[in-house]
């Protein structure tokens, strides 16, 4: 797949995760606090991982592929029904 198409797909997938996170945060409670903290922590870790990949000679395609795997994992986690 072309890098630009991977990037566009990543953008669409990220929007879904943003929507799922906003719903979780809007619901409030302890789970919302955990999700908000997790979101900030993940952003810092993702930046560090991408910067390291690029510094070590990784391609933008490799970085996008890795981000997509993180985004898909978040979508799966956020889509599961809570056991409340």
C-alpha atoms as a PDB file:
ATOM      1  CA  UNK A   1       0.000   0.000   0.000  1.00  0.00           C
ATOM      2  CA  UNK A   2       1.275   3.489  -0.785  1.00  0.00           C
ATOM      3  CA  UNK A   3       2.526   5.541   2.149  1.00  0.00           C
ATOM      4  CA  UNK A   4      -0.011   8.312   1.493  1.00  0.00           C
ATOM      5  CA  UNK A   5      -2.849   5.784   1.553  1.00  0.00           C
ATOM      6  CA  UNK A   6      -1.499   4.286   4.776  1.00  0.00           C
ATOM      7  CA  UNK A   7      -1.376   7.776   6.267  1.00  0.00           C
ATOM      8  CA  UNK A   8      -4.937   8.549   5.149  1.00  0.00           C
ATOM      9  CA  UNK A   9      -6.177   5.256   6.574  1.00  0.00           C
ATOM     10  CA  UNK A  10      -4.374   5.998   9.822  1.00  0.00           C
ATOM     11  CA  UNK A  11      -6.160   9.353   9.997  1.00  0.00           C
ATOM     12  CA  UNK A  12      -9.558   7.698   9.591  1.00  0.00           C
ATOM     13  CA  UNK A  13      -8.765   5.030  12.179  1.00  0.00           C
ATOM     14  CA  UNK A  14      -7.530   7.674  14.597  1.00  0.00           C
ATOM     15  CA  UNK A  15     -10.824   9.566  14.323  1.00  0.00           C
ATOM     16  CA  UNK A  16     -12.691   6.458  15.451  1.00  0.00           C
ATOM     17  CA  UNK A  17     -10.429   6.105  18.483  1.00  0.00           C
ATOM     18  CA  UNK A  18     -10.900   9.801  19.312  1.00  0.00           C
ATOM     19  CA  UNK A  19     -14.691   9.331  19.189  1.00  0.00           C
ATOM     20  CA  UNK A  20     -14.532   6.216  21.377  1.00  0.00           C
ATOM     21  CA  UNK A  21     -12.282   7.982  23.885  1.00  0.00           C
ATOM     22  CA  UNK A  22     -14.529  11.032  24.027  1.00  0.00           C
ATOM     23  CA  UNK A  23     -17.528   8.825  24.766  1.00  0.00           C
ATOM     24  CA  UNK A  24     -15.640   7.083  27.558  1.00  0.00           C
ATOM     25  CA  UNK A  25     -14.449  10.373  29.040  1.00  0.00           C
ATOM     26  CA  UNK A  26     -17.932  11.913  28.727  1.00  0.00           C
ATOM     27  CA  UNK A  27     -19.350   9.002  30.747  1.00  0.00           C
ATOM     28  CA  UNK A  28     -17.234  10.194  33.673  1.00  0.00           C
ATOM     29  CA  UNK A  29     -16.123   8.277  36.712  1.00  0.00           C
ATOM     30  CA  UNK A  30     -12.861   6.521  37.458  1.00  0.00           C
ATOM     31  CA  UNK A  31     -12.682   4.919  33.998  1.00  0.00           C
ATOM     32  CA  UNK A  32     -12.750   8.388  32.424  1.00  0.00           C
ATOM     33  CA  UNK A  33      -9.861   9.540  34.602  1.00  0.00           C
ATOM     34  CA  UNK A  34      -7.835   6.461  33.693  1.00  0.00           C
ATOM     35  CA  UNK A  35      -8.544   6.950  29.977  1.00  0.00           C
ATOM     36  CA  UNK A  36      -7.557  10.626  30.050  1.00  0.00           C
ATOM     37  CA  UNK A  37      -4.267   9.806  31.770  1.00  0.00           C
ATOM     38  CA  UNK A  38      -3.628   6.888  29.448  1.00  0.00           C
ATOM     39  CA  UNK A  39      -4.234   9.067  26.412  1.00  0.00           C
ATOM     40  CA  UNK A  40      -1.584  11.595  27.459  1.00  0.00           C
ATOM     41  CA  UNK A  41       0.935   8.912  28.387  1.00  0.00           C
ATOM     42  CA  UNK A  42       0.419   7.103  25.080  1.00  0.00           C
ATOM     43  CA  UNK A  43       1.032  10.277  23.081  1.00  0.00           C
ATOM     44  CA  UNK A  44       4.416  10.829  24.729  1.00  0.00           C
ATOM     45  CA  UNK A  45       5.410   7.180  24.287  1.00  0.00           C
ATOM     46  CA  UNK A  46       4.308   7.151  20.634  1.00  0.00           C
ATOM     47  CA  UNK A  47       6.330  10.276  19.889  1.00  0.00           C
ATOM     48  CA  UNK A  48       9.429   8.788  21.506  1.00  0.00           C
ATOM     49  CA  UNK A  49       8.972   5.516  19.626  1.00  0.00           C
ATOM     50  CA  UNK A  50       8.519   7.259  16.262  1.00  0.00           C
ATOM     51  CA  UNK A  51      11.476   9.574  16.831  1.00  0.00           C
ATOM     52  CA  UNK A  52      13.686   6.625  17.763  1.00  0.00           C
ATOM     53  CA  UNK A  53      12.578   4.654  14.705  1.00  0.00           C
ATOM     54  CA  UNK A  54      13.375   7.557  12.410  1.00  0.00           C
ATOM     55  CA  UNK A  55      16.688   8.301  14.134  1.00  0.00           C
ATOM     56  CA  UNK A  56      17.719   4.686  13.612  1.00  0.00           C
ATOM     57  CA  UNK A  57      16.956   4.859   9.908  1.00  0.00           C
ATOM     58  CA  UNK A  58      13.363   3.643   9.875  1.00  0.00           C
ATOM     59  CA  UNK A  59      11.094   4.813   7.084  1.00  0.00           C
ATOM     60  CA  UNK A  60       7.921   6.849   7.400  1.00  0.00           C
ATOM     61  CA  UNK A  61       6.067   3.768   6.141  1.00  0.00           C
ATOM     62  CA  UNK A  62       7.409   1.750   9.075  1.00  0.00           C
ATOM     63  CA  UNK A  63       6.403   4.480  11.543  1.00  0.00           C
ATOM     64  CA  UNK A  64       2.885   4.686  10.084  1.00  0.00           C
ATOM     65  CA  UNK A  65       2.520   0.900  10.180  1.00  0.00           C
ATOM     66  CA  UNK A  66       3.517   0.884  13.857  1.00  0.00           C
ATOM     67  CA  UNK A  67       1.122   3.743  14.704  1.00  0.00           C
ATOM     68  CA  UNK A  68      -1.698   1.881  12.954  1.00  0.00           C
ATOM     69  CA  UNK A  69      -1.081  -1.181  15.126  1.00  0.00           C
ATOM     70  CA  UNK A  70      -1.343   0.984  18.261  1.00  0.00           C
ATOM     71  CA  UNK A  71      -4.493   2.678  16.977  1.00  0.00           C
ATOM     72  CA  UNK A  72      -6.143  -0.661  16.129  1.00  0.00           C
ATOM     73  CA  UNK A  73      -5.309  -1.991  19.602  1.00  0.00           C
ATOM     74  CA  UNK A  74      -6.903   1.084  21.179  1.00  0.00           C
ATOM     75  CA  UNK A  75      -9.994   0.712  18.995  1.00  0.00           C
ATOM     76  CA  UNK A  76     -10.391  -2.930  20.070  1.00  0.00           C
ATOM     77  CA  UNK A  77      -9.895  -2.054  23.737  1.00  0.00           C
ATOM     78  CA  UNK A  78     -12.309   0.877  23.656  1.00  0.00           C
ATOM     79  CA  UNK A  79     -14.947  -1.059  21.696  1.00  0.00           C
ATOM     80  CA  UNK A  80     -15.233  -3.881  24.219  1.00  0.00           C
ATOM     81  CA  UNK A  81     -18.289  -3.815  26.402  1.00  0.00           C
ATOM     82  CA  UNK A  82     -17.613  -2.890  29.976  1.00  0.00           C
ATOM     83  CA  UNK A  83     -18.404  -5.537  32.566  1.00  0.00           C
ATOM     84  CA  UNK A  84     -20.520  -3.229  34.679  1.00  0.00           C
END
